Amino acid sequence: MGFKNVTHVLFDMDGLILNTEDLYTIAYQNITTRYGKEYTFDLKIRLMGAQSHETSQIIVDALQLPITPQEFIEESKKQFEILFPNSQVLPGAKRLIEHLHKNNIPIGLATSSSKESYELKTSKNHQKLFSLFPYKTMGSSDPAVKRGKPHPDIFLVAAAKFPDKPNPEQCLVFEDAINGR
């Protein structure tokens, strides 16, 4: 098997750079518990990398919650406002991002989060780190990203934001979600 020349790097955010997958679990469990339901690990695995409208629909359907997906989104936003500002950078992430930036390797962010969610996660403690990403794609807010992971839409849109328009095969993607492979 031959290796392709990598010229650009794309990073997922949730669960890879920030500990927000843990925070999503807390938020969703807080909501589902009110309806006597459990947010399970199996359900969590199905959702990783999905856009917010996809996530809410899957949770409401899977757990047969007596609310609409839009109501689930609204309840989630309230939870996120409390939890996300306290997100933490995961071990090694800052060092790798800073190393690539220092060595002029083009880097971009490709997160399924919405712009609003991204701001909650990064504005309090992580502005400096995320300022190193000149190109950011927020899948739940970007109309060019039609489908969430496992579809490659977010990575193709993110790669197209680099000024030199690399072939997607030249982009190394760091992704933690099974759905993002």
N, C-alpha and C. Protein backbone atom coordinates (compact mmCIF):
# COMPACT_ATOMS: atom_id res chain seq x y z
N MET A 1 0.84 -1.17 0.00
CA MET A 1 0.00 0.00 0.00
C MET A 1 0.89 1.23 0.00
N GLY A 2 0.66 2.13 -0.93
CA GLY A 2 1.43 3.36 -1.00
C GLY A 2 0.78 4.47 -0.20
N PHE A 3 1.60 5.38 0.28
CA PHE A 3 1.08 6.53 1.01
C PHE A 3 0.97 7.71 0.08
N LYS A 4 -0.07 8.49 0.25
CA LYS A 4 -0.26 9.70 -0.54
C LYS A 4 0.42 10.86 0.18
N ASN A 5 0.86 11.83 -0.58
CA ASN A 5 1.51 13.01 -0.04
C ASN A 5 0.47 13.86 0.70
N VAL A 6 0.70 14.11 1.97
CA VAL A 6 -0.20 14.93 2.78
C VAL A 6 0.34 16.35 2.82
N THR A 7 -0.52 17.30 2.47
CA THR A 7 -0.10 18.71 2.45
C THR A 7 -0.90 19.58 3.41
N HIS A 8 -2.07 19.11 3.85
CA HIS A 8 -2.98 19.89 4.68
C HIS A 8 -3.55 18.98 5.77
N VAL A 9 -3.96 19.60 6.88
CA VAL A 9 -4.51 18.83 7.99
C VAL A 9 -5.84 19.44 8.44
N LEU A 10 -6.83 18.57 8.61
CA LEU A 10 -8.14 18.98 9.12
C LEU A 10 -8.38 18.31 10.47
N PHE A 11 -8.94 19.07 11.39
CA PHE A 11 -9.23 18.57 12.73
C PHE A 11 -10.72 18.62 13.01
N ASP A 12 -11.24 17.54 13.55
CA ASP A 12 -12.53 17.56 14.20
C ASP A 12 -12.30 18.31 15.53
N MET A 13 -13.36 18.68 16.23
CA MET A 13 -13.18 19.40 17.49
C MET A 13 -13.66 18.60 18.69
N ASP A 14 -14.92 18.18 18.66
CA ASP A 14 -15.53 17.54 19.82
C ASP A 14 -14.97 16.14 20.04
N GLY A 15 -14.42 15.95 21.23
CA GLY A 15 -13.86 14.64 21.56
C GLY A 15 -12.44 14.45 21.06
N LEU A 16 -11.96 15.38 20.24
CA LEU A 16 -10.60 15.28 19.71
C LEU A 16 -9.73 16.42 20.26
N ILE A 17 -10.22 17.64 20.16
CA ILE A 17 -9.49 18.78 20.72
C ILE A 17 -10.05 19.13 22.10
N LEU A 18 -11.37 19.12 22.21
CA LEU A 18 -12.03 19.47 23.47
C LEU A 18 -12.79 18.28 24.04
N ASN A 19 -12.96 18.25 25.35
CA ASN A 19 -13.65 17.16 26.06
C ASN A 19 -15.17 17.27 25.96
N THR A 20 -15.68 17.87 24.93
CA THR A 20 -17.11 18.15 24.85
C THR A 20 -17.97 16.92 24.65
N GLU A 21 -17.42 15.80 24.19
CA GLU A 21 -18.25 14.59 24.09
C GLU A 21 -18.78 14.22 25.47
N ASP A 22 -17.96 14.39 26.49
CA ASP A 22 -18.42 14.15 27.87
C ASP A 22 -19.54 15.12 28.24
N LEU A 23 -19.42 16.36 27.80
CA LEU A 23 -20.41 17.37 28.13
C LEU A 23 -21.72 17.13 27.39
N TYR A 24 -21.64 16.67 26.14
CA TYR A 24 -22.86 16.30 25.42
C TYR A 24 -23.59 15.18 26.16
N THR A 25 -22.84 14.20 26.64
CA THR A 25 -23.44 13.09 27.37
C THR A 25 -24.20 13.60 28.59
N ILE A 26 -23.58 14.48 29.35
CA ILE A 26 -24.24 15.04 30.54
C ILE A 26 -25.50 15.80 30.15
N ALA A 27 -25.40 16.64 29.12
CA ALA A 27 -26.55 17.44 28.69
C ALA A 27 -27.71 16.55 28.24
N TYR A 28 -27.41 15.58 27.39
CA TYR A 28 -28.47 14.72 26.87
C TYR A 28 -29.07 13.84 27.96
N GLN A 29 -28.24 13.37 28.88
CA GLN A 29 -28.77 12.57 29.98
C GLN A 29 -29.65 13.42 30.88
N ASN A 30 -29.26 14.67 31.11
CA ASN A 30 -30.09 15.58 31.92
C ASN A 30 -31.48 15.74 31.31
N ILE A 31 -31.54 15.81 29.99
CA ILE A 31 -32.83 15.97 29.31
C ILE A 31 -33.62 14.67 29.33
N THR A 32 -33.00 13.58 28.92
CA THR A 32 -33.74 12.32 28.79
C THR A 32 -34.21 11.78 30.14
N THR A 33 -33.46 12.04 31.20
CA THR A 33 -33.86 11.60 32.54
C THR A 33 -35.20 12.20 32.95
N ARG A 34 -35.45 13.43 32.54
CA ARG A 34 -36.73 14.08 32.89
C ARG A 34 -37.92 13.33 32.31
N TYR A 35 -37.67 12.54 31.27
CA TYR A 35 -38.74 11.76 30.63
C TYR A 35 -38.64 10.27 30.97
N GLY A 36 -37.82 9.95 31.98
CA GLY A 36 -37.69 8.57 32.41
C GLY A 36 -36.92 7.69 31.44
N LYS A 37 -36.06 8.30 30.62
CA LYS A 37 -35.29 7.55 29.62
C LYS A 37 -33.80 7.67 29.91
N GLU A 38 -33.04 6.72 29.35
CA GLU A 38 -31.59 6.73 29.54
C GLU A 38 -30.88 6.98 28.21
N TYR A 39 -29.96 7.90 28.25
CA TYR A 39 -29.11 8.18 27.09
C TYR A 39 -27.95 7.20 27.16
N THR A 40 -27.99 6.16 26.34
CA THR A 40 -27.02 5.06 26.42
C THR A 40 -25.78 5.32 25.55
N PHE A 41 -24.75 4.55 25.84
CA PHE A 41 -23.51 4.64 25.05
C PHE A 41 -23.77 4.23 23.60
N ASP A 42 -24.59 3.22 23.39
CA ASP A 42 -24.92 2.78 22.03
C ASP A 42 -25.57 3.91 21.23
N LEU A 43 -26.47 4.65 21.88
CA LEU A 43 -27.10 5.79 21.21
C LEU A 43 -26.08 6.88 20.95
N LYS A 44 -25.22 7.12 21.91
CA LYS A 44 -24.17 8.14 21.76
C LYS A 44 -23.30 7.83 20.54
N ILE A 45 -22.91 6.59 20.37
CA ILE A 45 -22.07 6.18 19.24
C ILE A 45 -22.77 6.48 17.91
N ARG A 46 -24.07 6.26 17.85
CA ARG A 46 -24.82 6.53 16.62
C ARG A 46 -24.84 8.02 16.27
N LEU A 47 -24.71 8.87 17.28
CA LEU A 47 -24.85 10.31 17.07
C LEU A 47 -23.55 11.05 16.80
N MET A 48 -22.45 10.48 17.21
CA MET A 48 -21.18 11.21 17.10
C MET A 48 -20.93 11.65 15.67
N GLY A 49 -20.72 12.95 15.51
CA GLY A 49 -20.46 13.51 14.19
C GLY A 49 -21.69 13.98 13.45
N ALA A 50 -22.87 13.71 14.00
CA ALA A 50 -24.11 14.13 13.33
C ALA A 50 -24.35 15.62 13.55
N GLN A 51 -25.09 16.21 12.66
CA GLN A 51 -25.49 17.61 12.82
C GLN A 51 -26.61 17.69 13.84
N SER A 52 -26.83 18.88 14.41
CA SER A 52 -27.78 19.02 15.52
C SER A 52 -29.19 18.58 15.16
N HIS A 53 -29.66 18.89 13.97
CA HIS A 53 -31.02 18.48 13.60
C HIS A 53 -31.12 16.96 13.45
N GLU A 54 -30.03 16.33 12.99
CA GLU A 54 -30.00 14.87 12.90
C GLU A 54 -29.99 14.24 14.29
N THR A 55 -29.17 14.80 15.17
CA THR A 55 -29.04 14.29 16.54
C THR A 55 -30.37 14.33 17.26
N SER A 56 -31.05 15.47 17.20
CA SER A 56 -32.30 15.61 17.92
C SER A 56 -33.35 14.63 17.40
N GLN A 57 -33.41 14.45 16.10
CA GLN A 57 -34.38 13.53 15.52
C GLN A 57 -34.10 12.10 15.97
N ILE A 58 -32.83 11.70 15.95
CA ILE A 58 -32.47 10.34 16.33
C ILE A 58 -32.80 10.08 17.80
N ILE A 59 -32.46 11.02 18.68
CA ILE A 59 -32.71 10.82 20.12
C ILE A 59 -34.21 10.77 20.40
N VAL A 60 -34.96 11.71 19.85
CA VAL A 60 -36.41 11.73 20.08
C VAL A 60 -37.05 10.44 19.59
N ASP A 61 -36.66 9.99 18.41
CA ASP A 61 -37.23 8.75 17.85
C ASP A 61 -36.79 7.51 18.64
N ALA A 62 -35.49 7.40 18.90
CA ALA A 62 -34.95 6.20 19.55
C ALA A 62 -35.51 6.02 20.96
N LEU A 63 -35.67 7.13 21.68
CA LEU A 63 -36.14 7.04 23.06
C LEU A 63 -37.64 7.33 23.19
N GLN A 64 -38.27 7.57 22.06
CA GLN A 64 -39.70 7.87 22.04
C GLN A 64 -40.06 8.96 23.05
N LEU A 65 -39.31 10.06 22.96
CA LEU A 65 -39.55 11.18 23.87
C LEU A 65 -40.84 11.91 23.47
N PRO A 66 -41.56 12.44 24.45
CA PRO A 66 -42.82 13.12 24.16
C PRO A 66 -42.63 14.59 23.77
N ILE A 67 -41.55 14.87 23.06
CA ILE A 67 -41.26 16.23 22.59
C ILE A 67 -40.84 16.14 21.12
N THR A 68 -40.85 17.28 20.45
CA THR A 68 -40.42 17.32 19.06
C THR A 68 -38.90 17.45 19.00
N PRO A 69 -38.32 17.12 17.87
CA PRO A 69 -36.87 17.34 17.73
C PRO A 69 -36.48 18.81 17.98
N GLN A 70 -37.32 19.75 17.54
CA GLN A 70 -37.01 21.16 17.77
C GLN A 70 -37.03 21.50 19.26
N GLU A 71 -37.96 20.93 19.99
CA GLU A 71 -38.01 21.15 21.45
C GLU A 71 -36.78 20.54 22.12
N PHE A 72 -36.33 19.40 21.61
CA PHE A 72 -35.12 18.79 22.14
C PHE A 72 -33.92 19.72 21.89
N ILE A 73 -33.86 20.31 20.71
CA ILE A 73 -32.76 21.25 20.40
C ILE A 73 -32.79 22.43 21.38
N GLU A 74 -33.97 22.96 21.65
CA GLU A 74 -34.09 24.11 22.56
C GLU A 74 -33.66 23.73 23.98
N GLU A 75 -34.07 22.55 24.44
CA GLU A 75 -33.64 22.10 25.76
C GLU A 75 -32.13 21.87 25.80
N SER A 76 -31.59 21.34 24.71
CA SER A 76 -30.15 21.11 24.62
C SER A 76 -29.38 22.41 24.72
N LYS A 77 -29.85 23.43 24.03
CA LYS A 77 -29.16 24.73 24.05
C LYS A 77 -29.03 25.28 25.47
N LYS A 78 -30.06 25.10 26.27
CA LYS A 78 -30.01 25.56 27.66
C LYS A 78 -28.92 24.82 28.44
N GLN A 79 -28.84 23.52 28.21
CA GLN A 79 -27.80 22.71 28.86
C GLN A 79 -26.41 23.14 28.39
N PHE A 80 -26.27 23.35 27.09
CA PHE A 80 -24.97 23.70 26.51
C PHE A 80 -24.46 25.04 27.04
N GLU A 81 -25.37 26.00 27.24
CA GLU A 81 -24.97 27.30 27.77
C GLU A 81 -24.32 27.18 29.14
N ILE A 82 -24.72 26.20 29.89
CA ILE A 82 -24.16 25.96 31.22
C ILE A 82 -22.84 25.18 31.13
N LEU A 83 -22.82 24.13 30.30
CA LEU A 83 -21.70 23.18 30.29
C LEU A 83 -20.53 23.58 29.39
N PHE A 84 -20.81 24.03 28.19
CA PHE A 84 -19.76 24.22 27.19
C PHE A 84 -18.69 25.26 27.54
N PRO A 85 -19.02 26.36 28.20
CA PRO A 85 -17.95 27.31 28.51
C PRO A 85 -16.83 26.74 29.38
N ASN A 86 -17.08 25.61 30.02
CA ASN A 86 -16.07 24.98 30.87
C ASN A 86 -15.35 23.83 30.20
N SER A 87 -15.43 23.74 28.88
CA SER A 87 -14.75 22.67 28.16
C SER A 87 -13.24 22.78 28.36
N GLN A 88 -12.58 21.64 28.25
CA GLN A 88 -11.13 21.57 28.45
C GLN A 88 -10.46 20.99 27.22
N VAL A 89 -9.23 21.42 26.96
CA VAL A 89 -8.44 20.88 25.85
C VAL A 89 -7.93 19.50 26.27
N LEU A 90 -8.07 18.55 25.35
CA LEU A 90 -7.62 17.18 25.63
C LEU A 90 -6.10 17.07 25.51
N PRO A 91 -5.51 16.11 26.22
CA PRO A 91 -4.04 15.96 26.22
C PRO A 91 -3.47 15.80 24.81
N GLY A 92 -2.44 16.58 24.55
CA GLY A 92 -1.70 16.49 23.28
C GLY A 92 -2.26 17.35 22.16
N ALA A 93 -3.51 17.74 22.24
CA ALA A 93 -4.14 18.48 21.14
C ALA A 93 -3.48 19.84 20.92
N LYS A 94 -3.31 20.59 21.98
CA LYS A 94 -2.71 21.93 21.86
C LYS A 94 -1.30 21.84 21.29
N ARG A 95 -0.53 20.91 21.79
CA ARG A 95 0.86 20.76 21.35
C ARG A 95 0.93 20.45 19.85
N LEU A 96 0.08 19.55 19.37
CA LEU A 96 0.09 19.19 17.95
C LEU A 96 -0.35 20.37 17.08
N ILE A 97 -1.41 21.03 17.45
CA ILE A 97 -1.91 22.18 16.67
C ILE A 97 -0.84 23.27 16.61
N GLU A 98 -0.25 23.59 17.74
CA GLU A 98 0.80 24.62 17.77
C GLU A 98 2.01 24.21 16.93
N HIS A 99 2.37 22.93 16.97
CA HIS A 99 3.50 22.43 16.17
C HIS A 99 3.23 22.59 14.67
N LEU A 100 2.06 22.18 14.23
CA LEU A 100 1.71 22.31 12.81
C LEU A 100 1.68 23.78 12.38
N HIS A 101 1.10 24.61 13.22
CA HIS A 101 1.03 26.04 12.91
C HIS A 101 2.43 26.65 12.81
N LYS A 102 3.27 26.33 13.78
CA LYS A 102 4.65 26.85 13.81
C LYS A 102 5.44 26.43 12.57
N ASN A 103 5.14 25.23 12.04
CA ASN A 103 5.85 24.71 10.88
C ASN A 103 5.13 24.97 9.56
N ASN A 104 4.18 25.91 9.60
CA ASN A 104 3.47 26.37 8.40
C ASN A 104 2.75 25.27 7.63
N ILE A 105 2.24 24.29 8.36
CA ILE A 105 1.41 23.25 7.75
C ILE A 105 -0.02 23.81 7.74
N PRO A 106 -0.66 23.90 6.60
CA PRO A 106 -2.02 24.44 6.57
C PRO A 106 -2.98 23.56 7.38
N ILE A 107 -3.68 24.20 8.32
CA ILE A 107 -4.62 23.47 9.16
C ILE A 107 -6.00 24.12 9.09
N GLY A 108 -7.01 23.27 9.25
CA GLY A 108 -8.38 23.76 9.26
C GLY A 108 -9.20 22.97 10.26
N LEU A 109 -10.31 23.57 10.67
CA LEU A 109 -11.22 22.94 11.61
C LEU A 109 -12.45 22.46 10.85
N ALA A 110 -12.88 21.23 11.09
CA ALA A 110 -14.07 20.66 10.46
C ALA A 110 -14.91 20.02 11.55
N THR A 111 -15.78 20.84 12.16
CA THR A 111 -16.61 20.37 13.26
C THR A 111 -18.08 20.32 12.85
N SER A 112 -18.79 19.34 13.35
CA SER A 112 -20.23 19.26 13.09
C SER A 112 -21.00 20.25 13.95
N SER A 113 -20.33 20.89 14.89
CA SER A 113 -20.99 21.86 15.75
C SER A 113 -21.51 23.05 14.95
N SER A 114 -22.50 23.71 15.53
CA SER A 114 -23.00 24.96 14.95
C SER A 114 -22.06 26.10 15.35
N LYS A 115 -22.17 27.22 14.68
CA LYS A 115 -21.36 28.39 15.03
C LYS A 115 -21.64 28.81 16.47
N GLU A 116 -22.90 28.79 16.86
CA GLU A 116 -23.29 29.16 18.23
C GLU A 116 -22.64 28.22 19.26
N SER A 117 -22.67 26.93 18.99
CA SER A 117 -22.07 25.95 19.88
C SER A 117 -20.55 26.12 19.93
N TYR A 118 -19.95 26.33 18.77
CA TYR A 118 -18.50 26.57 18.69
C TYR A 118 -18.11 27.75 19.59
N GLU A 119 -18.86 28.82 19.52
CA GLU A 119 -18.57 30.02 20.33
C GLU A 119 -18.67 29.70 21.82
N LEU A 120 -19.68 28.95 22.22
CA LEU A 120 -19.81 28.58 23.64
C LEU A 120 -18.61 27.77 24.11
N LYS A 121 -18.11 26.89 23.27
CA LYS A 121 -17.02 26.00 23.64
C LYS A 121 -15.65 26.69 23.66
N THR A 122 -15.48 27.70 22.83
CA THR A 122 -14.14 28.26 22.66
C THR A 122 -13.94 29.67 23.20
N SER A 123 -14.98 30.46 23.34
CA SER A 123 -14.79 31.89 23.63
C SER A 123 -14.28 32.18 25.04
N LYS A 124 -14.59 31.35 26.01
CA LYS A 124 -14.18 31.63 27.39
C LYS A 124 -12.70 31.33 27.63
N ASN A 125 -12.23 30.17 27.17
CA ASN A 125 -10.88 29.73 27.52
C ASN A 125 -9.97 29.37 26.35
N HIS A 126 -10.50 29.29 25.16
CA HIS A 126 -9.70 28.69 24.09
C HIS A 126 -9.56 29.56 22.83
N GLN A 127 -9.78 30.84 22.95
CA GLN A 127 -9.70 31.70 21.77
C GLN A 127 -8.32 31.68 21.13
N LYS A 128 -7.29 31.71 21.93
CA LYS A 128 -5.92 31.73 21.39
C LYS A 128 -5.63 30.46 20.58
N LEU A 129 -5.97 29.31 21.12
CA LEU A 129 -5.72 28.05 20.41
C LEU A 129 -6.51 28.00 19.10
N PHE A 130 -7.77 28.34 19.13
CA PHE A 130 -8.60 28.23 17.93
C PHE A 130 -8.32 29.34 16.91
N SER A 131 -7.63 30.39 17.35
CA SER A 131 -7.22 31.43 16.39
C SER A 131 -6.14 30.91 15.45
N LEU A 132 -5.51 29.79 15.79
CA LEU A 132 -4.49 29.20 14.93
C LEU A 132 -5.10 28.53 13.70
N PHE A 133 -6.41 28.32 13.72
CA PHE A 133 -7.11 27.73 12.57
C PHE A 133 -7.63 28.86 11.67
N PRO A 134 -6.97 29.11 10.55
CA PRO A 134 -7.46 30.18 9.68
C PRO A 134 -8.73 29.78 8.92
N TYR A 135 -8.99 28.50 8.82
CA TYR A 135 -10.15 28.02 8.05
C TYR A 135 -10.98 27.12 8.96
N LYS A 136 -12.25 27.53 9.14
CA LYS A 136 -13.14 26.80 10.04
C LYS A 136 -14.43 26.47 9.31
N THR A 137 -14.89 25.24 9.50
CA THR A 137 -16.17 24.80 8.95
C THR A 137 -17.00 24.28 10.11
N MET A 138 -18.16 24.90 10.32
CA MET A 138 -19.10 24.47 11.36
C MET A 138 -20.29 23.84 10.66
N GLY A 139 -20.27 22.52 10.62
CA GLY A 139 -21.21 21.76 9.80
C GLY A 139 -22.68 22.04 10.04
N SER A 140 -23.08 22.25 11.28
CA SER A 140 -24.50 22.47 11.56
C SER A 140 -24.95 23.87 11.17
N SER A 141 -24.03 24.78 10.87
CA SER A 141 -24.38 26.14 10.46
C SER A 141 -24.03 26.43 9.00
N ASP A 142 -23.20 25.62 8.40
CA ASP A 142 -22.72 25.89 7.04
C ASP A 142 -23.66 25.25 6.03
N PRO A 143 -24.34 26.07 5.22
CA PRO A 143 -25.30 25.51 4.25
C PRO A 143 -24.65 24.62 3.18
N ALA A 144 -23.34 24.73 3.01
CA ALA A 144 -22.65 23.89 2.02
C ALA A 144 -22.50 22.45 2.53
N VAL A 145 -22.60 22.26 3.85
CA VAL A 145 -22.50 20.91 4.42
C VAL A 145 -23.93 20.36 4.48
N LYS A 146 -24.25 19.53 3.52
CA LYS A 146 -25.62 19.02 3.38
C LYS A 146 -25.93 17.87 4.32
N ARG A 147 -24.93 17.01 4.57
CA ARG A 147 -25.16 15.82 5.40
C ARG A 147 -24.06 15.70 6.44
N GLY A 148 -24.44 15.19 7.62
CA GLY A 148 -23.46 14.96 8.67
C GLY A 148 -22.66 13.70 8.43
N LYS A 149 -21.72 13.45 9.31
CA LYS A 149 -20.90 12.25 9.24
C LYS A 149 -21.82 11.04 9.40
N PRO A 150 -21.60 9.96 8.74
CA PRO A 150 -20.37 9.50 8.11
C PRO A 150 -20.15 10.02 6.68
N HIS A 151 -21.06 10.83 6.17
CA HIS A 151 -20.86 11.39 4.84
C HIS A 151 -19.65 12.34 4.86
N PRO A 152 -18.91 12.42 3.78
CA PRO A 152 -17.68 13.22 3.77
C PRO A 152 -17.90 14.72 3.54
N ASP A 153 -19.15 15.16 3.48
CA ASP A 153 -19.46 16.54 3.12
C ASP A 153 -18.62 17.57 3.88
N ILE A 154 -18.57 17.44 5.20
CA ILE A 154 -17.88 18.44 6.01
C ILE A 154 -16.40 18.54 5.65
N PHE A 155 -15.78 17.41 5.39
CA PHE A 155 -14.35 17.42 5.07
C PHE A 155 -14.09 17.97 3.67
N LEU A 156 -14.99 17.70 2.75
CA LEU A 156 -14.84 18.25 1.40
C LEU A 156 -15.03 19.76 1.41
N VAL A 157 -16.01 20.23 2.16
CA VAL A 157 -16.24 21.68 2.28
C VAL A 157 -15.05 22.34 2.97
N ALA A 158 -14.56 21.71 4.03
CA ALA A 158 -13.41 22.26 4.76
C ALA A 158 -12.15 22.31 3.89
N ALA A 159 -11.90 21.27 3.13
CA ALA A 159 -10.71 21.24 2.26
C ALA A 159 -10.80 22.34 1.19
N ALA A 160 -12.00 22.61 0.71
CA ALA A 160 -12.18 23.63 -0.33
C ALA A 160 -11.94 25.04 0.19
N LYS A 161 -11.89 25.23 1.50
CA LYS A 161 -11.65 26.55 2.07
C LYS A 161 -10.18 26.96 2.03
N PHE A 162 -9.29 25.99 1.89
CA PHE A 162 -7.87 26.33 1.77
C PHE A 162 -7.69 27.08 0.45
N PRO A 163 -6.93 28.17 0.44
CA PRO A 163 -6.78 28.97 -0.79
C PRO A 163 -6.21 28.20 -1.98
N ASP A 164 -5.34 27.21 -1.72
CA ASP A 164 -4.73 26.46 -2.82
C ASP A 164 -5.56 25.26 -3.24
N LYS A 165 -6.74 25.09 -2.66
CA LYS A 165 -7.69 24.04 -3.05
C LYS A 165 -7.03 22.67 -3.22
N PRO A 166 -6.51 22.09 -2.14
CA PRO A 166 -5.85 20.79 -2.26
C PRO A 166 -6.84 19.70 -2.66
N ASN A 167 -6.33 18.69 -3.29
CA ASN A 167 -7.12 17.50 -3.55
C ASN A 167 -7.46 16.91 -2.17
N PRO A 168 -8.70 16.52 -1.93
CA PRO A 168 -9.05 15.97 -0.61
C PRO A 168 -8.15 14.82 -0.19
N GLU A 169 -7.60 14.08 -1.13
CA GLU A 169 -6.70 12.98 -0.79
C GLU A 169 -5.39 13.46 -0.19
N GLN A 170 -5.09 14.75 -0.31
CA GLN A 170 -3.89 15.31 0.27
C GLN A 170 -4.11 15.83 1.68
N CYS A 171 -5.33 15.70 2.18
CA CYS A 171 -5.67 16.18 3.52
C CYS A 171 -5.70 15.04 4.52
N LEU A 172 -4.93 15.20 5.57
CA LEU A 172 -4.97 14.27 6.69
C LEU A 172 -6.06 14.76 7.63
N VAL A 173 -6.97 13.89 8.01
CA VAL A 173 -8.07 14.25 8.89
C VAL A 173 -7.89 13.57 10.24
N PHE A 174 -7.92 14.37 11.29
CA PHE A 174 -7.93 13.84 12.65
C PHE A 174 -9.38 13.84 13.12
N GLU A 175 -9.89 12.66 13.39
CA GLU A 175 -11.32 12.46 13.72
C GLU A 175 -11.43 11.37 14.76
N ASP A 176 -12.26 11.58 15.77
CA ASP A 176 -12.41 10.58 16.82
C ASP A 176 -13.68 9.75 16.70
N ALA A 177 -14.68 10.25 16.01
CA ALA A 177 -15.97 9.56 15.96
C ALA A 177 -15.95 8.39 14.97
N ILE A 178 -16.58 7.32 15.37
CA ILE A 178 -16.71 6.17 14.47
C ILE A 178 -17.43 6.60 13.21
N ASN A 179 -18.43 7.48 13.34
CA ASN A 179 -19.18 7.96 12.19
C ASN A 179 -18.35 8.86 11.28
N GLY A 180 -17.23 9.36 11.77
CA GLY A 180 -16.42 10.28 10.98
C GLY A 180 -15.35 9.62 10.13
N ARG A 181 -15.28 8.31 10.15
CA ARG A 181 -14.19 7.65 9.42
C ARG A 181 -14.37 7.69 7.93
